[in-house]
Each structure stands twice: as C-alpha cells, then as structure tokens.
Protein backbone atom coordinates (compact mmCIF):
# COMPACT_ATOMS: atom_id res chain seq x y z
CA UNK A 1 -6.91 21.58 -1.44
CA UNK A 2 -9.76 24.02 -2.14
CA UNK A 3 -12.15 21.30 -0.92
CA UNK A 4 -12.55 21.56 2.88
CA UNK A 5 -13.37 17.89 3.31
CA UNK A 6 -10.26 16.88 1.39
CA UNK A 7 -8.04 19.19 3.47
CA UNK A 8 -9.31 17.51 6.63
CA UNK A 9 -8.73 14.10 5.07
CA UNK A 10 -5.22 14.96 3.87
CA UNK A 11 -3.80 16.18 7.17
CA UNK A 12 -5.64 13.65 9.34
CA UNK A 13 -4.57 10.72 7.19
CA UNK A 14 -1.01 12.05 6.93
CA UNK A 15 -0.67 12.04 10.72
CA UNK A 16 -2.07 8.52 10.95
CA UNK A 17 0.20 7.22 8.19
CA UNK A 18 3.30 8.59 9.90
CA UNK A 19 2.43 6.41 12.89
CA UNK A 20 1.60 3.44 10.67
CA UNK A 21 5.02 3.53 9.00
CA UNK A 22 6.79 3.86 12.34
CA UNK A 23 4.96 0.73 13.50
CA UNK A 24 5.57 -1.15 10.24
CA UNK A 25 9.31 -0.44 10.37
CA UNK A 26 9.55 -1.42 14.03
CA UNK A 27 7.46 -4.55 13.47
CA UNK A 28 9.65 -5.83 10.63
CA UNK A 29 12.90 -5.30 12.51
CA UNK A 30 11.46 -6.74 15.72
CA UNK A 31 10.49 -9.95 13.88
CA UNK A 32 13.95 -10.23 12.37
CA UNK A 33 15.55 -9.71 15.80
CA UNK A 34 13.32 -12.42 17.26
CA UNK A 35 13.83 -14.98 14.47
CA UNK A 36 16.86 -13.94 12.32
CA UNK A 37 14.88 -15.40 9.40
CA UNK A 38 13.95 -13.64 6.12
CA UNK A 39 11.37 -16.39 5.56
CA UNK A 40 9.59 -15.37 8.78
CA UNK A 41 9.42 -11.81 7.48
CA UNK A 42 7.50 -13.29 4.56
CA UNK A 43 5.18 -15.17 6.94
CA UNK A 44 4.24 -11.93 8.74
CA UNK A 45 3.52 -10.13 5.47
CA UNK A 46 1.53 -13.16 4.27
CA UNK A 47 -0.57 -13.12 7.46
CA UNK A 48 -1.26 -9.40 7.04
CA UNK A 49 -2.42 -9.85 3.45
CA UNK A 50 -4.35 -13.11 3.82
CA UNK A 51 -7.62 -11.50 5.07
CA UNK A 52 -7.91 -9.51 1.86
CA UNK A 53 -8.69 -12.72 -0.03
CA UNK A 54 -11.61 -13.48 2.26
CA UNK A 55 -13.08 -10.05 2.99
CA UNK A 56 -12.04 -7.47 0.38
CA UNK A 57 -14.71 -8.19 -2.25
CA UNK A 58 -17.43 -8.24 0.41
CA UNK A 59 -16.02 -4.98 1.79
CA UNK A 60 -16.38 -3.46 -1.69
CA UNK A 61 -20.11 -4.26 -1.63
CA UNK A 62 -20.36 -2.73 1.85
CA UNK A 63 -18.60 0.42 0.57
CA UNK A 64 -21.37 0.81 -2.04
CA UNK A 65 -24.13 0.21 0.54
CA UNK A 66 -23.12 2.04 3.72
CA UNK A 67 -21.75 5.54 4.41
CA UNK A 68 -18.03 5.28 3.71
CA UNK A 69 -17.18 7.64 6.57
CA UNK A 70 -18.83 5.27 9.06
CA UNK A 71 -16.87 2.30 7.70
CA UNK A 72 -13.61 4.23 7.98
CA UNK A 73 -14.22 5.36 11.57
CA UNK A 74 -14.83 1.79 12.75
CA UNK A 75 -11.87 0.35 10.84
CA UNK A 76 -9.55 3.04 12.23
CA UNK A 77 -10.76 2.35 15.77
CA UNK A 78 -10.04 -1.36 15.29
CA UNK A 79 -6.50 -0.65 14.07
CA UNK A 80 -5.92 1.69 17.00
CA UNK A 81 -6.95 -1.01 19.47
CA UNK A 82 -4.58 -3.54 17.87
CA UNK A 83 -1.69 -1.06 18.09
CA UNK A 84 -2.41 -0.70 21.81
CA UNK A 85 -2.17 -4.50 22.18
CA UNK A 86 1.16 -4.47 20.27
CA UNK A 87 2.51 -1.81 22.63
CA UNK A 88 1.26 -3.54 25.77
CA UNK A 89 2.85 -6.88 24.85
CA UNK A 90 6.13 -5.19 23.96
CA UNK A 91 6.35 -3.07 27.14
CA UNK A 92 5.51 -6.16 29.20
CA UNK A 93 8.38 -8.08 27.56
CA UNK A 94 5.93 -10.77 26.40
CA UNK A 95 6.03 -10.15 22.65
CA UNK A 96 6.89 -13.22 20.56
CA UNK A 97 7.07 -13.81 16.82
CA UNK A 98 3.73 -15.66 16.75
CA UNK A 99 2.08 -12.67 18.46
CA UNK A 100 3.24 -10.46 15.59
CA UNK A 101 1.84 -12.91 13.04
CA UNK A 102 -1.53 -13.04 14.82
CA UNK A 103 -1.80 -9.27 15.24
CA UNK A 104 -0.74 -8.75 11.63
CA UNK A 105 -3.60 -11.03 10.57
CA UNK A 106 -6.12 -9.05 12.65
CA UNK A 107 -4.78 -5.76 11.23
CA UNK A 108 -5.25 -7.28 7.79
CA UNK A 109 -8.95 -7.87 8.52
CA UNK A 110 -9.43 -4.24 9.56
CA UNK A 111 -7.53 -3.07 6.49
CA UNK A 112 -9.66 -5.26 4.22
CA UNK A 113 -12.75 -3.26 5.21
CA UNK A 114 -10.88 0.05 5.37
CA UNK A 115 -9.24 0.00 1.93
CA UNK A 116 -12.25 -0.04 -0.47
CA UNK A 117 -13.99 2.70 1.52
CA UNK A 118 -10.76 4.72 1.73
CA UNK A 119 -10.13 4.44 -2.01
CA UNK A 120 -13.69 5.21 -3.08
CA UNK A 121 -14.35 8.11 -0.65
CA UNK A 122 -11.85 10.33 -2.51
CA UNK A 123 -14.30 11.03 -5.33
CA UNK A 124 -16.93 11.98 -2.72
CA UNK A 125 -14.51 14.56 -1.28
CA UNK A 126 -13.38 16.33 -4.46
CA UNK A 127 -15.56 15.37 -7.45
CA UNK A 128 -14.56 13.71 -10.71
CA UNK A 129 -12.78 16.73 -12.26
CA UNK A 130 -10.21 16.94 -9.46
CA UNK A 131 -9.79 13.18 -8.97
CA UNK A 132 -6.38 12.89 -10.68
CA UNK A 133 -4.96 15.66 -8.48
CA UNK A 134 -6.55 14.14 -5.37
CA UNK A 135 -5.09 10.69 -6.08
CA UNK A 136 -1.70 12.32 -6.69
CA UNK A 137 -2.00 14.23 -3.40
CA UNK A 138 -2.97 10.98 -1.67
CA UNK A 139 0.28 9.55 -3.02
CA UNK A 140 2.09 12.66 -1.77
CA UNK A 141 0.50 12.18 1.64
CA UNK A 142 1.31 8.46 1.72
CA UNK A 143 4.89 8.89 0.61
CA UNK A 144 5.62 11.82 2.87
CA UNK A 145 4.76 9.39 5.64
CA UNK A 146 6.82 6.66 3.94
CA UNK A 147 9.81 9.02 3.87
CA UNK A 148 9.61 10.37 7.42
CA UNK A 149 7.93 7.52 9.32
CA UNK A 150 10.51 4.73 8.78
CA UNK A 151 13.45 6.99 9.55
CA UNK A 152 11.77 8.18 12.75
CA UNK A 153 10.78 4.60 13.57
CA UNK A 154 14.34 3.32 13.08
CA UNK A 155 15.83 6.02 15.30
CA UNK A 156 13.11 5.59 17.95
CA UNK A 157 13.58 1.81 17.89
CA UNK A 158 17.30 2.20 18.65
CA UNK A 159 16.68 4.94 21.21
CA UNK A 160 13.77 3.69 23.35
CA UNK A 161 12.60 0.42 21.74
CA UNK A 162 9.69 -0.75 19.56
CA UNK A 163 7.00 -0.28 22.22
CA UNK A 164 7.03 3.48 21.76
CA UNK A 165 6.69 3.10 17.98
CA UNK A 166 3.51 1.07 18.53
CA UNK A 167 2.22 3.56 21.13
CA UNK A 168 2.69 6.58 18.90
CA UNK A 169 0.94 4.77 16.07
CA UNK A 170 -2.08 4.14 18.32
CA UNK A 171 -2.17 7.83 19.22
CA UNK A 172 -1.92 8.90 15.55
CA UNK A 173 -5.29 7.33 14.70
CA UNK A 174 -6.99 10.09 16.71
CA UNK A 175 -6.13 12.58 13.94
CA UNK A 176 -7.87 10.76 11.10
CA UNK A 177 -10.91 9.83 13.23
CA UNK A 178 -11.30 13.49 14.25
CA UNK A 179 -10.94 14.60 10.61
CA UNK A 180 -13.67 12.19 9.51
CA UNK A 181 -15.95 13.45 12.29
CA UNK A 182 -15.51 17.10 11.20
CA UNK A 183 -16.30 16.53 7.51
CA UNK A 184 -19.49 18.01 6.04
CA UNK A 185 -20.70 15.30 3.73
CA UNK A 186 -24.12 15.06 2.07
CA UNK A 187 -26.53 12.51 3.49
CA UNK A 188 -25.73 9.03 2.26
CA UNK A 189 -28.29 7.72 -0.20
CA UNK A 190 -28.61 3.98 0.24
CA UNK A 191 -28.95 2.37 -3.20
CA UNK A 192 -31.93 0.08 -3.73
CA UNK A 193 -31.04 -3.54 -2.99
CA UNK A 194 -32.30 -5.45 -5.97
CA UNK A 195 -29.89 -8.30 -5.31
CA UNK A 196 -28.38 -10.12 -2.37
CA UNK A 197 -24.85 -9.32 -1.19
CA UNK A 198 -23.54 -12.26 -3.21
CA UNK A 199 -25.55 -11.14 -6.23
CA UNK A 200 -24.13 -7.62 -6.05
CA UNK A 201 -20.63 -9.03 -5.62
CA UNK A 202 -21.02 -11.20 -8.73
CA UNK A 203 -22.48 -8.24 -10.60
CA UNK A 204 -19.37 -6.22 -9.73
CA UNK A 205 -17.05 -9.00 -10.88
CA UNK A 206 -18.92 -9.26 -14.18
CA UNK A 207 -18.64 -5.51 -14.64
CA UNK A 208 -14.86 -5.70 -14.19
CA UNK A 209 -14.54 -8.74 -16.46
CA UNK A 210 -16.49 -6.96 -19.22
CA UNK A 211 -14.16 -3.94 -19.17
CA UNK A 212 -10.97 -5.14 -20.81
CA UNK A 213 -8.95 -2.03 -20.00
CA UNK A 214 -9.71 -2.27 -16.27
CA UNK A 215 -8.92 -5.99 -16.39
CA UNK A 216 -5.52 -5.41 -18.03
CA UNK A 217 -4.67 -2.70 -15.49
CA UNK A 218 -5.52 -5.07 -12.64
CA UNK A 219 -3.27 -7.77 -14.14
CA UNK A 220 -0.43 -5.23 -14.32
CA UNK A 221 -1.05 -4.13 -10.72
CA UNK A 222 -0.86 -7.77 -9.60
CA UNK A 223 2.47 -8.29 -11.39
CA UNK A 224 3.98 -5.08 -9.99
CA UNK A 225 2.85 -6.05 -6.48
CA UNK A 226 4.06 -9.66 -6.58
CA UNK A 227 7.39 -9.09 -8.30
CA UNK A 228 8.09 -5.38 -7.81
CA UNK A 229 7.19 -4.60 -4.20
CA UNK A 230 8.05 -7.87 -2.43
CA UNK A 231 11.60 -6.58 -1.87
CA UNK A 232 10.19 -4.39 0.94
CA UNK A 233 9.67 -7.54 3.01
CA UNK A 234 13.41 -8.25 2.78
CA UNK A 235 14.69 -4.82 3.82
CA UNK A 236 15.18 -5.65 7.55
CA UNK A 237 17.32 -8.67 6.56
CA UNK A 238 19.01 -6.64 3.78
CA UNK A 239 20.05 -3.91 6.23
CA UNK A 240 21.81 -6.47 8.46
CA UNK A 241 23.09 -9.18 6.09
CA UNK A 242 23.92 -7.18 2.95
CA UNK A 243 24.73 -3.72 4.31
CA UNK A 244 25.92 -4.84 7.80
CA UNK A 245 23.74 -2.26 9.54
CA UNK A 246 21.03 -2.16 12.22
CA UNK A 247 17.50 -0.85 12.86
CA UNK A 248 18.52 2.67 11.86
CA UNK A 249 19.86 1.35 8.54
CA UNK A 250 16.52 -0.35 7.95
CA UNK A 251 14.75 2.95 8.61
CA UNK A 252 16.97 4.81 6.13
CA UNK A 253 16.32 2.23 3.41
CA UNK A 254 12.56 2.46 3.93
CA UNK A 255 12.73 6.25 3.92
CA UNK A 256 14.78 6.38 0.71
CA UNK A 257 12.04 4.44 -1.05
CA UNK A 258 9.49 6.88 0.35
CA UNK A 259 11.53 9.89 -0.79
CA UNK A 260 11.50 8.66 -4.38
CA UNK A 261 7.77 8.04 -4.23
CA UNK A 262 7.25 11.49 -2.73
CA UNK A 263 9.15 13.20 -5.54
CA UNK A 264 7.19 11.27 -8.14
CA UNK A 265 3.87 12.07 -6.45
CA UNK A 266 4.76 15.79 -6.57
CA UNK A 267 5.58 15.49 -10.26
CA UNK A 268 2.28 13.74 -10.99
CA UNK A 269 0.31 16.33 -9.02
CA UNK A 270 1.92 19.07 -11.12
CA UNK A 271 0.63 17.41 -14.29
CA UNK A 272 -2.95 18.13 -13.25
CA UNK A 273 -5.57 16.56 -15.51
CA UNK A 274 -3.10 14.74 -17.72
CA UNK A 275 -4.28 12.56 -20.60
CA UNK A 276 -1.13 10.43 -20.65
CA UNK A 277 -2.05 8.09 -17.82
CA UNK A 278 -1.87 4.84 -19.79
CA UNK A 279 1.51 5.72 -21.25
CA UNK A 280 2.83 6.76 -17.83
CA UNK A 281 1.56 3.50 -16.28
CA UNK A 282 3.43 1.38 -18.81
CA UNK A 283 6.55 3.54 -18.51
CA UNK A 284 6.62 2.98 -14.77
CA UNK A 285 6.13 -0.78 -15.16
CA UNK A 286 9.09 -0.97 -17.56
CA UNK A 287 11.40 1.33 -15.54
CA UNK A 288 10.77 -0.38 -12.20
CA UNK A 289 12.62 -3.65 -13.05
CA UNK A 290 15.67 -1.66 -14.14
CA UNK A 291 15.73 0.19 -10.82
CA UNK A 292 15.33 -3.08 -8.88
CA UNK A 293 18.19 -4.74 -10.77
CA UNK A 294 20.47 -1.81 -9.96
CA UNK A 295 19.45 -1.97 -6.28
CA UNK A 296 20.25 -5.69 -6.18
CA UNK A 297 23.73 -5.00 -7.55
CA UNK A 298 24.97 -2.33 -5.10
CA UNK A 299 26.55 -2.98 -1.69
CA UNK A 300 26.95 0.44 -0.05
CA UNK A 301 24.27 2.27 1.92
CA UNK A 302 24.40 5.57 -0.08
CA UNK A 303 24.09 3.75 -3.43
CA UNK A 304 21.38 1.46 -2.08
CA UNK A 305 19.41 4.48 -0.91
CA UNK A 306 19.86 6.16 -4.29
CA UNK A 307 18.55 3.08 -6.10
CA UNK A 308 15.61 2.85 -3.70
CA UNK A 309 14.70 6.45 -4.53
CA UNK A 310 14.34 5.31 -8.16
CA UNK A 311 12.40 2.20 -7.09
CA UNK A 312 10.00 4.28 -4.99
CA UNK A 313 9.42 6.75 -7.83
CA UNK A 314 8.61 4.10 -10.42
CA UNK A 315 6.39 2.17 -8.00
CA UNK A 316 4.25 5.20 -7.22
CA UNK A 317 4.02 6.05 -10.91
CA UNK A 318 2.53 2.61 -11.54
CA UNK A 319 0.10 2.58 -8.64
CA UNK A 320 -0.97 6.22 -8.96
CA UNK A 321 -1.81 5.91 -12.65
CA UNK A 322 -3.52 2.53 -12.15
CA UNK A 323 -5.67 3.84 -9.29
CA UNK A 324 -6.74 6.95 -11.20
CA UNK A 325 -7.53 5.04 -14.38
CA UNK A 326 -9.59 2.38 -12.60
CA UNK A 327 -11.65 5.01 -10.77
CA UNK A 328 -12.25 7.22 -13.80
CA UNK A 329 -13.17 4.26 -16.02
CA UNK A 330 -15.70 2.92 -13.46
CA UNK A 331 -19.39 3.79 -13.31
CA UNK A 332 -20.33 5.46 -10.00
CA UNK A 333 -22.83 2.70 -9.17
CA UNK A 334 -20.01 0.11 -9.28
CA UNK A 335 -17.13 2.19 -7.91
CA UNK A 336 -17.04 0.64 -4.43
CA UNK A 337 -17.07 -2.89 -5.86
CA UNK A 338 -14.50 -2.06 -8.54
CA UNK A 339 -12.20 -0.54 -5.92
CA UNK A 340 -12.82 -3.65 -3.83
CA UNK A 341 -11.44 -5.72 -6.73
CA UNK A 342 -8.58 -3.25 -7.15
CA UNK A 343 -7.61 -3.34 -3.47
CA UNK A 344 -8.00 -7.14 -3.44
CA UNK A 345 -5.60 -7.30 -6.38
CA UNK A 346 -3.13 -5.00 -4.63
CA UNK A 347 -3.30 -6.22 -1.03
CA UNK A 348 -4.07 -9.82 -2.00
CA UNK A 349 -1.00 -10.03 -4.21
CA UNK A 350 1.27 -8.69 -1.45
CA UNK A 351 1.23 -11.84 0.70
CA UNK A 352 1.98 -13.98 -2.34
CA UNK A 353 4.95 -11.83 -3.23
CA UNK A 354 6.13 -11.68 0.39
CA UNK A 355 5.89 -15.45 0.86
CA UNK A 356 7.66 -16.07 -2.45
CA UNK A 357 10.40 -13.53 -1.69
CA UNK A 358 11.00 -14.83 1.84
CA UNK A 359 11.23 -18.45 0.68
CA UNK A 360 13.53 -17.67 -2.24
CA UNK A 361 15.76 -15.46 -0.08
CA UNK A 362 16.41 -18.40 2.27
CA UNK A 363 17.69 -20.44 -0.71
CA UNK A 364 19.09 -17.92 -3.21
CA UNK A 365 19.93 -14.92 -1.03
CA UNK A 366 18.23 -11.51 -0.97
CA UNK A 367 19.99 -9.92 -4.02
CA UNK A 368 19.25 -12.87 -6.32
CA UNK A 369 15.63 -12.90 -5.18
CA UNK A 370 15.16 -9.21 -6.02
CA UNK A 371 16.88 -9.64 -9.40
CA UNK A 372 14.72 -12.63 -10.29
CA UNK A 373 11.54 -10.72 -9.44
CA UNK A 374 12.70 -7.78 -11.55
CA UNK A 375 13.26 -10.05 -14.55
CA UNK A 376 9.79 -11.60 -14.16
CA UNK A 377 8.16 -8.17 -13.95
CA UNK A 378 10.01 -6.92 -17.04
CA UNK A 379 8.79 -9.91 -19.05
CA UNK A 380 5.20 -9.42 -17.87
CA UNK A 381 5.15 -5.70 -18.68
CA UNK A 382 6.54 -6.35 -22.17
CA UNK A 383 3.85 -8.98 -22.80
CA UNK A 384 1.10 -6.50 -21.85
CA UNK A 385 2.67 -3.82 -24.05
CA UNK A 386 2.74 -6.23 -27.00
CA UNK A 387 -0.73 -7.76 -26.54
CA UNK A 388 -2.70 -4.66 -25.49
CA UNK A 389 -1.05 -1.56 -27.00
CA UNK A 390 -4.35 0.34 -26.61
CA UNK A 391 -3.44 0.85 -22.94
CA UNK A 392 -0.94 3.50 -24.01
CA UNK A 393 -3.78 5.63 -25.39
CA UNK A 394 -6.00 5.46 -22.31
CA UNK A 395 -6.14 8.81 -20.57
C-alpha cells in the first residue's frame, strides 16, 4: 500500500468488483428463475468462458505490446456498456434466458482482453519485491467483494429486483476507470516487433512449454478450475432444491465462499515474501476436495455456509500461490504472454467445468456432482505430487 498507483488500483478495483459480484449473483438466480434448469446455468457459464479460447492468447500478446492501462480502460468501458444493456432489458421486462447467454458471451470477450493486462499490470504497480504481497492483496480485494457483493445482490434482488443489481454494477466501473486515469505510470516502451503476432504467440507458448514448473502449475490450475470451482455454477439451484431457500439464500452461500477466501487472503498477505509457495499450492489442492465433499454432505444452511468458508479458503490458496509463482518464474519480456496462457487456463477451463457440472447435475443431482468432482480433483493432485515432487520446493 506504500505504492500510490497500487492504492488507486486497489480501491478502484474493489468498488468495481463489488458491483460485478452483485450482477453475477443476480444473473445466476435470474436464469434459474427463467428456466428452473441447472443445465442452463452451465450454458450461461460456458458462454461466458468460451471467448477465452479464441481471444486470450492473442490478448496476452497485446498486453506485451500496448500500454496495459489503455487496454484496461477500454475493456472496462465495454463491460460497463453491457451492464447497461442488461439493466435496460430487465427494467423493460424483455429479458429472456437467451439474452443472458448472449450478453454473457460478449462480457466474456471483454474479459478475455482485460484479464492478461489486469494480471500483468500488478508488477508494473509495485515491483518484483512486493509482488507476493500485491497478489495477496488482490485476492483480499477480490474476496472482500466476493463476501459482500453476493449478499448485497441477493438482498437487493429480493427487495427491488435484478435490474438494480445490473445498474449498480454499471455505475461501479466508474471507480476503476477513474483510478486508472489518475495513475502516474512511466511511458510505455513498445518492444521491437521482430515477429508477427502469430510468431510472438508461438514464441510465448514455446517459452511456457520449456518451463516444466510453470507447465505443471498450469495443469494443476486447470484441474482445480474444472473440478473444484464448477460447484459455483450450481449454487442458485442448490439454494432452492437442496436448502429450500430463495435468492437471499443464494447470496449467503456465495458470500460464505467469499468470506473463506478473504480470511485466507489475509493470512497469505501476512506471510509476506514467503518461500513456501509450492508447498502451500499443493496443500490447497489436496485440502479443497475434502472441503467440497463435506459441503456435498450437509443439508442445513449454517453448515453449508461453514463448509463453503473452507472451500473458499482452499480455492484462494491454490489460485494465489499459482498466480504468484507463474509471475515470478516468468521473464519480463514474456510476462504478458505467460499470463495470457495462465488466464486462458483459468477462464478457459471454467466453461468446461460449468458445462460438465450442469449436465451431470441434471442426471445425478447437485450433491453427487460436487462429490464426483472432488474425487477427480483429489486424484489429480495426488498424481502431480507423486510425479513432480520438486513443486513442493519451489518458492
């Protein structure tokens, strides 16, 4: 927080994320109200993640070529405009499930260009020595929003309807755009273009493929995303079918997950420049399936929230350590492209997990789907631990 640019980023992004989580919570419950189908929840998440497969790697090249602040301003403006469309359709009473799918797809395109620049700008704001703390504070920022945003979104949804959730999200983008405008960043030095865009993209992929540690971390991130985070897609259906609740129940479940992640992010930030990142990453990947299995087994709201606190904590431990390790192990000249591969792995795996979870939930039920994913993740994490024990020593 001693870095002025990072302080602006932290509070601006926090405000924007609060609105984003209000919209996300309202969007999920709105789709379930319109369709009563857990599979359709998976379709929406799939549509939101699909653009990452087409644009994320290219966006990583762009993040190495252009000023990252400029990329972020334009992507935030695009997301703001789409939130306004969401709100307008909802207030007009014209919103339908296919509208949500289409708008989720367009938001996914904006996010595909936003994510690599957002991930790689952190080092520009604080420097390499403070990167671990900055990534931990980013997690704190994100999960503060994850804790407060869904609860507020659930209450607001019940009180005045989803349109106001979408409207407030649109307004929240002003904070992060203003923060980016006020930053004092050095002039961007455009790297010499010795290769075409495709050539630079291939060069980045070869760089990742040649670094076995980064490659193993990306495989682990993919497994955690597909099998460990897909349960989020099912929470609107879970709140109604398993816990016999409503939109407010959905908000409390989402917030419980955020509270666990928030507590873990605070703990990681207190560690400072820890050299135990590889060990912590593997610990989180092994603890997460246990927490998911316990969540799948309980049937009361207080116990479900308690289990989701544990799920949120172990998830953020995995993603925080993975993000920090990938950035610190990457050469500065490749950082945008490497983070493009990282964000492609993360956001590109989400639609696969969501589609799989939604389809299985229709056939096996939500608890069995979560339990099956937890078992698959546990097996994958144990295989990585057995085949690449050197990951434990990476710091």
